[in-house]
Amino acid sequence: MPAAGIMILLLVSWPALAQDRQNLMERLSAWISSEQGLEPSDREALISALRQRFADYGLQVARPGQDQAAQTAERMIVEGLLDRAQPERIAEVAFAAYQAVRRGAPADMVEGIGLYGYRKKLPAEKITLWANGFRQMSEGGLPPDIAADVVYNAMEDSWDDATFNQIKWGLVDGVRSGFSALDFATYVLGTLKERKETRAGVLLGRAKEHFRAAAKAGTKPQLPRYEGSFSRQPAQRARTPFKEQPAARKPGHEESEPKAVEKRAPAAPPPLARIWPGLDRSSRSYLGTPYVWGGDSKRGIDCSGLTRNTYAENEISIPRVSARQWKAGQPVKDQALREGDLLFFDTKGSGVSHVGMVMDRKGPQFIHASSVHGVIIVDMGRNKYFQARYLGARRIVP
């Protein structure tokens, strides 16, 4: 090829080549600079914190659409911005999640588990261990909500790696032995919480003996008192007042969905005026409850668990995850919002991934499970970043 032709080819392809060679810090800086709802000073502070925390890792090449670790870091940053976390903490959480995915941990699980970094400092090694452990427990037959609760216990009680691995494989072995996953996990985790036996290996051995003896006697195993994210399923007692509507946008991955809820025939919902006091009371009873990935109880809960439980406690059934809640009920225009409506947000750049419930149409103020602060009420009118991520609202009760 003539020299002139080579030169033209290089000039034409140079923008694409330059984009492919964009390093991580360049990518994050460009993305943050384009984010709506951020003040210039907030952008500068966050970019500075990220540059300091990522250091030489920020020079690694991040190819557009191909780097799951970089995408995961961005999603951790979004969660921190929504909850107005300090730039240094956002950078710390994003860096740990980035490293965990680079080390082979499943990105979708790191996105949920990594958010615990907003509650306590977590090294990438722990996130990697727990994310891989969650996958192994799920593949071993343990329901996702129970596996998520094991991870939460490991984080909350600062288990060492050996304890986590022993509990993980012990619960999988219990399921494969034919024991009820719910009962066996309740026995093991409840006994650990009561500190009646803290040696994981000894505890698991006793648990198997206890369950085998109960099976031989034809009785139900005696269980300790324990409330985990899997301990209650209020929606099973609720009526289903809606038909799912087609989604306006393709939803993204969100928190792990618990066990399938028994389907019941649709029933006409009661008027909002009659059930709103109950919705208000139920939702406020969760204020201060910590965020737990896949959580479904007062011990810990995630965003869609909060909205699902609030309605279920008032005999109205809605789906478990926010992407499916987005299809429930009827769309509502912003100027027509009222208490009890569900608000939906895109925190991951791929569709619905977060939900809250309107508590006061002025603002509007809504309640949601914050990964940083737990269950709180916020005013969207005063949070430009929530405004920028807002997708729309749905009305469950006419």
Protein backbone atom coordinates (compact mmCIF):
# COMPACT_ATOMS: atom_id res chain seq x y z
CA MET A 1 0.00 0.00 0.00
CA PRO A 2 1.38 3.46 -0.87
CA ALA A 3 2.56 5.60 2.04
CA ALA A 4 -0.24 8.12 1.42
CA GLY A 5 -2.85 5.35 1.72
CA ILE A 6 -1.38 4.14 5.00
CA MET A 7 -1.43 7.68 6.37
CA ILE A 8 -5.11 8.13 5.43
CA LEU A 9 -6.01 4.79 7.04
CA LEU A 10 -4.26 5.77 10.28
CA LEU A 11 -5.99 9.14 10.38
CA VAL A 12 -9.42 7.54 9.85
CA SER A 13 -8.91 4.82 12.46
CA TRP A 14 -7.12 6.95 15.06
CA PRO A 15 -10.27 8.05 17.03
CA ALA A 16 -11.37 4.43 17.48
CA LEU A 17 -7.87 3.35 18.45
CA ALA A 18 -7.60 6.18 20.95
CA GLN A 19 -10.95 5.27 22.47
CA ASP A 20 -9.90 1.62 22.82
CA ARG A 21 -6.74 2.75 24.62
CA GLN A 22 -8.61 4.95 27.10
CA ASN A 23 -7.41 4.19 30.61
CA LEU A 24 -9.72 3.63 33.57
CA MET A 25 -9.27 7.07 35.13
CA GLU A 26 -9.91 8.78 31.80
CA ARG A 27 -13.07 6.74 31.40
CA LEU A 28 -14.34 7.49 34.91
CA SER A 29 -13.50 11.19 34.61
CA ALA A 30 -15.32 11.50 31.27
CA TRP A 31 -18.34 9.64 32.62
CA ILE A 32 -18.57 11.72 35.82
CA SER A 33 -18.19 14.93 33.81
CA SER A 34 -21.23 13.93 31.73
CA GLU A 35 -23.44 12.98 34.70
CA GLN A 36 -26.44 15.25 35.19
CA GLY A 37 -27.41 16.42 38.65
CA LEU A 38 -23.85 16.99 39.90
CA GLU A 39 -22.45 20.39 40.81
CA PRO A 40 -19.01 21.22 39.30
CA SER A 41 -17.43 21.20 42.75
CA ASP A 42 -18.89 17.74 43.47
CA ARG A 43 -17.47 16.42 40.20
CA GLU A 44 -14.02 17.77 40.96
CA ALA A 45 -14.00 16.36 44.51
CA LEU A 46 -15.11 12.91 43.34
CA ILE A 47 -12.63 12.72 40.45
CA SER A 48 -9.83 13.78 42.80
CA ALA A 49 -10.79 11.10 45.36
CA LEU A 50 -10.98 8.42 42.66
CA ARG A 51 -7.63 9.41 41.19
CA GLN A 52 -6.00 9.21 44.61
CA ARG A 53 -7.57 5.85 45.54
CA PHE A 54 -7.12 4.07 42.21
CA ALA A 55 -3.57 5.43 41.78
CA ASP A 56 -1.71 3.24 39.26
CA TYR A 57 -4.78 1.06 38.71
CA GLY A 58 -6.33 4.09 37.05
CA LEU A 59 -3.82 3.71 34.22
CA GLN A 60 -5.16 0.29 33.23
CA VAL A 61 -6.87 0.18 29.84
CA ALA A 62 -10.69 0.16 30.03
CA ARG A 63 -12.22 -0.78 26.69
CA PRO A 64 -15.77 0.56 26.20
CA GLY A 65 -18.45 -2.10 26.72
CA GLN A 66 -15.89 -4.81 27.53
CA ASP A 67 -14.69 -4.03 31.04
CA GLN A 68 -17.11 -5.39 33.64
CA ALA A 69 -14.86 -4.22 36.45
CA ALA A 70 -15.08 -0.60 35.27
CA GLN A 71 -18.85 -0.86 34.83
CA THR A 72 -19.19 -2.24 38.35
CA ALA A 73 -17.10 0.62 39.73
CA GLU A 74 -19.39 3.11 37.99
CA ARG A 75 -22.47 1.51 39.56
CA MET A 76 -20.92 1.68 43.02
CA ILE A 77 -20.26 5.37 42.40
CA VAL A 78 -23.88 6.00 41.36
CA GLU A 79 -25.18 4.41 44.58
CA GLY A 80 -22.89 6.61 46.65
CA LEU A 81 -23.92 9.75 44.79
CA LEU A 82 -27.62 9.00 45.24
CA ASP A 83 -27.10 8.76 48.99
CA ARG A 84 -24.67 11.69 49.15
CA ALA A 85 -21.80 9.67 50.56
CA GLN A 86 -18.44 11.38 50.99
CA PRO A 87 -16.19 11.30 47.88
CA GLU A 88 -13.48 9.37 49.74
CA ARG A 89 -15.93 6.64 50.78
CA ILE A 90 -17.35 6.42 47.26
CA ALA A 91 -13.83 5.99 45.88
CA GLU A 92 -13.05 3.30 48.48
CA VAL A 93 -16.17 1.27 47.66
CA ALA A 94 -15.70 1.63 43.90
CA PHE A 95 -12.06 0.55 44.11
CA ALA A 96 -12.82 -2.55 46.21
CA ALA A 97 -15.60 -3.61 43.82
CA TYR A 98 -13.35 -2.98 40.80
CA GLN A 99 -10.61 -5.17 42.24
CA ALA A 100 -13.06 -7.94 43.17
CA VAL A 101 -14.34 -8.24 39.60
CA ARG A 102 -10.80 -8.09 38.22
CA ARG A 103 -9.99 -11.04 40.49
CA GLY A 104 -12.76 -13.12 38.96
CA ALA A 105 -15.75 -12.48 41.23
CA PRO A 106 -19.14 -12.40 39.43
CA ALA A 107 -19.90 -8.76 38.60
CA ASP A 108 -23.65 -8.99 39.28
CA MET A 109 -23.01 -10.35 42.77
CA VAL A 110 -20.27 -7.84 43.50
CA GLU A 111 -22.77 -5.06 42.68
CA GLY A 112 -24.99 -6.22 45.55
CA ILE A 113 -22.38 -7.30 48.07
CA GLY A 114 -20.02 -4.39 47.39
CA LEU A 115 -22.63 -1.93 48.67
CA TYR A 116 -21.93 -3.16 52.20
CA GLY A 117 -18.74 -1.14 51.85
CA TYR A 118 -20.83 1.95 52.53
CA ARG A 119 -21.49 0.57 56.03
CA LYS A 120 -18.02 -0.69 56.91
CA LYS A 121 -14.68 -0.81 55.15
CA LEU A 122 -14.39 -4.00 53.11
CA PRO A 123 -11.26 -5.12 51.26
CA ALA A 124 -11.58 -6.54 47.76
CA GLU A 125 -10.50 -9.95 49.08
CA LYS A 126 -13.62 -10.18 51.27
CA ILE A 127 -15.97 -9.09 48.50
CA THR A 128 -14.38 -11.63 46.15
CA LEU A 129 -14.73 -14.41 48.73
CA TRP A 130 -18.38 -13.61 49.46
CA ALA A 131 -19.42 -13.10 45.82
CA ASN A 132 -17.85 -16.39 44.77
CA GLY A 133 -19.33 -18.03 47.86
CA PHE A 134 -22.81 -16.77 47.02
CA ARG A 135 -22.51 -18.27 43.56
CA GLN A 136 -21.28 -21.60 44.97
CA MET A 137 -24.12 -21.77 47.49
CA SER A 138 -26.71 -21.03 44.80
CA GLU A 139 -25.21 -23.63 42.47
CA GLY A 140 -25.23 -26.07 45.40
CA GLY A 141 -29.01 -25.77 45.80
CA LEU A 142 -29.27 -23.12 48.51
CA PRO A 143 -32.06 -20.58 47.76
CA PRO A 144 -30.64 -17.12 46.85
CA ASP A 145 -32.26 -15.36 49.82
CA ILE A 146 -30.60 -17.76 52.26
CA ALA A 147 -27.24 -17.46 50.49
CA ALA A 148 -27.55 -13.66 50.69
CA ASP A 149 -28.28 -13.92 54.42
CA VAL A 150 -25.11 -15.99 54.95
CA VAL A 151 -23.10 -13.23 53.27
CA TYR A 152 -24.82 -10.59 55.41
CA ASN A 153 -23.99 -12.51 58.61
CA ALA A 154 -20.38 -12.83 57.49
CA MET A 155 -20.18 -9.07 56.95
CA GLU A 156 -22.11 -8.01 60.06
CA ASP A 157 -20.32 -10.36 62.47
CA SER A 158 -16.87 -10.15 60.82
CA TRP A 159 -16.48 -13.87 60.17
CA ASP A 160 -13.00 -15.00 59.23
CA ASP A 161 -12.55 -16.71 55.87
CA ALA A 162 -12.41 -20.21 57.35
CA THR A 163 -15.74 -19.75 59.15
CA PHE A 164 -17.43 -18.45 56.01
CA ASN A 165 -16.17 -21.36 53.91
CA GLN A 166 -17.18 -23.94 56.51
CA ILE A 167 -20.69 -22.50 56.87
CA LYS A 168 -21.06 -22.19 53.10
CA TRP A 169 -20.20 -25.80 52.33
CA GLY A 170 -21.97 -27.06 55.45
CA LEU A 171 -25.29 -25.54 54.35
CA VAL A 172 -24.86 -26.92 50.83
CA ASP A 173 -24.16 -30.35 52.34
CA GLY A 174 -27.30 -30.03 54.46
CA VAL A 175 -29.44 -29.42 51.37
CA ARG A 176 -27.83 -32.34 49.55
CA SER A 177 -28.53 -34.52 52.60
CA GLY A 178 -32.23 -33.84 52.16
CA PHE A 179 -32.72 -31.37 55.01
CA SER A 180 -34.98 -28.34 54.61
CA ALA A 181 -32.74 -25.48 53.48
CA LEU A 182 -34.82 -23.01 55.51
CA ASP A 183 -34.77 -25.06 58.72
CA PHE A 184 -31.13 -26.09 58.46
CA ALA A 185 -29.98 -22.51 57.81
CA THR A 186 -32.17 -21.25 60.67
CA TYR A 187 -30.59 -23.78 63.04
CA VAL A 188 -27.00 -23.03 61.99
CA LEU A 189 -27.23 -19.24 61.73
CA GLY A 190 -29.48 -18.93 64.78
CA THR A 191 -27.09 -20.98 66.92
CA LEU A 192 -24.19 -18.83 65.76
CA LYS A 193 -26.12 -15.67 66.65
CA GLU A 194 -26.91 -17.00 70.11
CA ARG A 195 -23.21 -17.90 70.44
CA LYS A 196 -24.13 -21.28 71.89
CA GLU A 197 -21.50 -22.72 69.56
CA THR A 198 -19.08 -20.55 67.59
CA ARG A 199 -16.87 -23.27 66.15
CA ALA A 200 -18.32 -23.73 62.68
CA GLY A 201 -17.13 -27.31 62.18
CA VAL A 202 -18.49 -28.51 65.52
CA LEU A 203 -21.78 -26.66 64.99
CA LEU A 204 -22.35 -28.19 61.55
CA GLY A 205 -21.65 -31.67 62.88
CA ARG A 206 -24.18 -31.21 65.68
CA ALA A 207 -26.70 -29.76 63.25
CA LYS A 208 -26.57 -32.85 61.03
CA GLU A 209 -26.93 -35.14 64.05
CA HIS A 210 -29.91 -33.10 65.28
CA PHE A 211 -31.70 -33.21 61.91
CA ARG A 212 -31.01 -36.91 61.37
CA ALA A 213 -32.39 -37.71 64.82
CA ALA A 214 -35.52 -35.66 64.11
CA ALA A 215 -36.01 -37.38 60.75
CA LYS A 216 -35.64 -40.80 62.37
CA ALA A 217 -38.19 -39.87 65.03
CA GLY A 218 -40.54 -38.35 62.47
CA THR A 219 -40.57 -34.97 64.23
CA LYS A 220 -39.69 -31.43 63.21
CA PRO A 221 -36.21 -30.33 64.37
CA GLN A 222 -36.24 -27.89 67.27
CA LEU A 223 -34.98 -24.53 65.98
CA PRO A 224 -33.54 -21.45 67.72
CA ARG A 225 -35.25 -18.08 67.40
CA TYR A 226 -33.73 -16.42 64.36
CA GLU A 227 -34.85 -13.69 61.98
CA GLY A 228 -33.01 -13.65 58.70
CA SER A 229 -33.82 -12.13 55.34
CA PHE A 230 -35.57 -15.41 54.49
CA SER A 231 -37.64 -15.69 57.68
CA ARG A 232 -40.88 -14.17 56.48
CA GLN A 233 -42.78 -14.07 53.20
CA PRO A 234 -45.74 -11.73 53.85
CA ALA A 235 -46.75 -11.51 50.19
CA GLN A 236 -47.90 -15.12 50.30
CA ARG A 237 -50.90 -13.95 52.33
CA ALA A 238 -51.69 -10.99 50.10
CA ARG A 239 -54.12 -10.39 47.27
CA THR A 240 -52.92 -9.53 43.77
CA PRO A 241 -54.81 -6.45 42.52
CA PHE A 242 -53.04 -5.87 39.22
CA LYS A 243 -52.02 -7.26 35.90
CA GLU A 244 -48.44 -6.71 34.82
CA GLN A 245 -48.10 -4.13 32.08
CA PRO A 246 -45.46 -4.11 29.32
CA ALA A 247 -42.27 -2.41 30.46
CA ALA A 248 -41.44 0.91 28.83
CA ARG A 249 -37.73 0.12 29.04
CA LYS A 250 -35.75 -3.07 29.29
CA PRO A 251 -35.00 -3.58 33.00
CA GLY A 252 -31.50 -4.20 34.30
CA HIS A 253 -30.25 -6.75 36.82
CA GLU A 254 -31.20 -5.98 40.38
CA GLU A 255 -31.17 -7.71 43.73
CA SER A 256 -31.57 -11.48 43.99
CA GLU A 257 -35.20 -12.58 43.81
CA PRO A 258 -36.36 -14.71 46.75
CA LYS A 259 -38.41 -17.87 46.46
CA ALA A 260 -41.31 -17.70 44.04
CA VAL A 261 -44.48 -16.40 45.64
CA GLU A 262 -47.63 -18.49 45.27
CA LYS A 263 -49.85 -17.02 42.54
CA ARG A 264 -53.44 -16.17 43.45
CA ALA A 265 -56.38 -14.93 41.44
CA PRO A 266 -56.47 -11.11 41.03
CA ALA A 267 -58.80 -9.32 43.43
CA ALA A 268 -60.19 -5.80 43.41
CA PRO A 269 -58.03 -3.58 45.64
CA PRO A 270 -59.55 -1.49 48.43
CA PRO A 271 -59.66 2.31 47.93
CA LEU A 272 -56.40 4.10 48.71
CA ALA A 273 -58.12 6.23 51.36
CA ARG A 274 -58.79 3.07 53.34
CA ILE A 275 -55.38 1.43 53.04
CA TRP A 276 -53.07 4.48 53.05
CA PRO A 277 -52.89 4.70 56.88
CA GLY A 278 -51.73 1.07 56.87
CA LEU A 279 -49.20 1.65 54.08
CA ASP A 280 -47.87 4.69 55.90
CA ARG A 281 -47.59 2.80 59.19
CA SER A 282 -46.02 -0.29 57.62
CA SER A 283 -43.39 1.60 55.66
CA ARG A 284 -42.40 3.81 58.61
CA SER A 285 -41.94 0.73 60.79
CA TYR A 286 -38.87 -0.05 58.65
CA LEU A 287 -37.20 3.34 59.16
CA GLY A 288 -33.61 2.79 60.23
CA THR A 289 -33.56 -0.84 59.05
CA PRO A 290 -30.15 -1.47 57.45
CA TYR A 291 -29.80 -2.20 53.76
CA VAL A 292 -29.29 -5.91 53.08
CA TRP A 293 -28.86 -7.22 49.55
CA GLY A 294 -31.87 -9.50 48.98
CA GLY A 295 -33.11 -8.69 52.50
CA ASP A 296 -36.78 -9.09 53.34
CA SER A 297 -37.23 -8.38 57.06
CA LYS A 298 -36.77 -5.84 59.86
CA ARG A 299 -33.27 -7.24 60.32
CA GLY A 300 -32.27 -6.01 56.89
CA ILE A 301 -34.04 -5.15 53.65
CA ASP A 302 -33.44 -3.93 50.10
CA CYS A 303 -35.45 -1.40 48.10
CA SER A 304 -37.98 -3.70 46.46
CA GLY A 305 -38.28 -5.81 49.60
CA LEU A 306 -39.40 -2.65 51.41
CA THR A 307 -42.10 -1.76 48.88
CA ARG A 308 -43.23 -5.38 48.51
CA ASN A 309 -43.52 -5.87 52.29
CA THR A 310 -45.29 -2.54 52.79
CA TYR A 311 -48.05 -3.52 50.37
CA ALA A 312 -48.12 -7.17 51.48
CA GLU A 313 -48.67 -6.18 55.11
CA ASN A 314 -51.81 -4.45 53.85
CA GLU A 315 -53.02 -7.45 51.85
CA ILE A 316 -51.86 -6.19 48.46
CA SER A 317 -49.42 -8.39 46.54
CA ILE A 318 -46.83 -6.94 44.18
CA PRO A 319 -43.77 -8.64 42.62
CA ARG A 320 -40.52 -9.02 44.57
CA VAL A 321 -37.99 -7.17 42.40
CA SER A 322 -38.19 -3.57 41.19
CA ALA A 323 -37.95 -4.46 37.49
CA ARG A 324 -41.19 -6.44 37.83
CA GLN A 325 -42.82 -3.89 40.13
CA TRP A 326 -42.26 -1.41 37.27
CA LYS A 327 -44.69 -3.51 35.21
CA ALA A 328 -47.37 -3.54 37.92
CA GLY A 329 -50.31 -1.19 38.26
CA GLN A 330 -50.72 1.82 35.98
CA PRO A 331 -48.30 4.59 34.93
CA VAL A 332 -48.73 7.93 36.68
CA LYS A 333 -47.85 11.40 35.39
CA ASP A 334 -45.55 13.41 37.63
CA GLN A 335 -48.13 16.12 38.30
CA ALA A 336 -50.65 13.48 39.45
CA LEU A 337 -48.45 11.71 42.02
CA ARG A 338 -49.99 10.83 45.37
CA GLU A 339 -49.08 8.93 48.52
CA GLY A 340 -48.55 5.21 47.94
CA ASP A 341 -47.35 5.53 44.34
CA LEU A 342 -44.09 3.77 43.51
CA LEU A 343 -41.18 5.76 42.06
CA PHE A 344 -38.58 4.04 39.87
CA PHE A 345 -34.96 4.92 39.12
CA ASP A 346 -32.16 3.79 36.83
CA THR A 347 -29.03 3.48 38.98
CA LYS A 348 -27.11 1.20 36.61
CA GLY A 349 -27.63 2.68 33.17
CA SER A 350 -29.68 -0.30 31.98
CA GLY A 351 -33.25 0.32 33.13
CA VAL A 352 -35.17 -0.04 36.38
CA SER A 353 -32.95 -0.97 39.33
CA HIS A 354 -34.29 1.02 42.31
CA VAL A 355 -37.72 1.79 43.76
CA GLY A 356 -39.27 3.86 46.54
CA MET A 357 -42.79 4.81 47.69
CA VAL A 358 -44.28 8.31 47.83
CA MET A 359 -44.94 9.47 51.41
CA ASP A 360 -45.85 13.08 50.59
CA ARG A 361 -46.72 14.37 47.12
CA LYS A 362 -44.92 17.64 47.93
CA GLY A 363 -41.34 17.21 46.72
CA PRO A 364 -42.23 14.41 46.33
CA GLN A 365 -40.90 12.85 49.51
CA PHE A 366 -40.42 9.10 49.27
CA ILE A 367 -39.22 6.24 51.44
CA HIS A 368 -36.58 3.83 50.17
CA ALA A 369 -33.83 1.47 51.30
CA SER A 370 -30.59 3.39 50.96
CA SER A 371 -27.40 1.36 50.64
CA VAL A 372 -25.62 3.97 52.77
CA HIS A 373 -28.20 4.99 55.40
CA GLY A 374 -30.69 2.10 55.44
CA VAL A 375 -34.41 2.88 55.18
CA ILE A 376 -34.94 6.65 55.08
CA ILE A 377 -37.30 9.28 53.67
CA VAL A 378 -35.80 11.69 51.14
CA ASP A 379 -37.07 14.70 49.21
CA MET A 380 -36.51 14.20 45.49
CA GLY A 381 -37.08 17.91 44.94
CA ARG A 382 -33.85 18.57 46.85
CA ASN A 383 -31.77 15.80 45.30
CA LYS A 384 -30.80 16.63 41.72
CA TYR A 385 -29.06 13.30 41.25
CA PHE A 386 -32.24 11.35 42.06
CA GLN A 387 -34.08 13.64 39.63
CA ALA A 388 -31.57 12.82 36.89
CA ARG A 389 -32.02 9.06 37.47
CA TYR A 390 -35.82 9.12 37.73
CA LEU A 391 -37.71 6.95 35.21
CA GLY A 392 -41.35 7.28 36.23
CA ALA A 393 -44.07 6.16 38.63
CA ARG A 394 -46.68 3.41 38.90
CA ARG A 395 -49.94 3.35 40.85
CA ILE A 396 -50.82 0.04 42.48
CA VAL A 397 -54.11 1.09 44.11
CA PRO A 398 -56.57 3.14 41.96
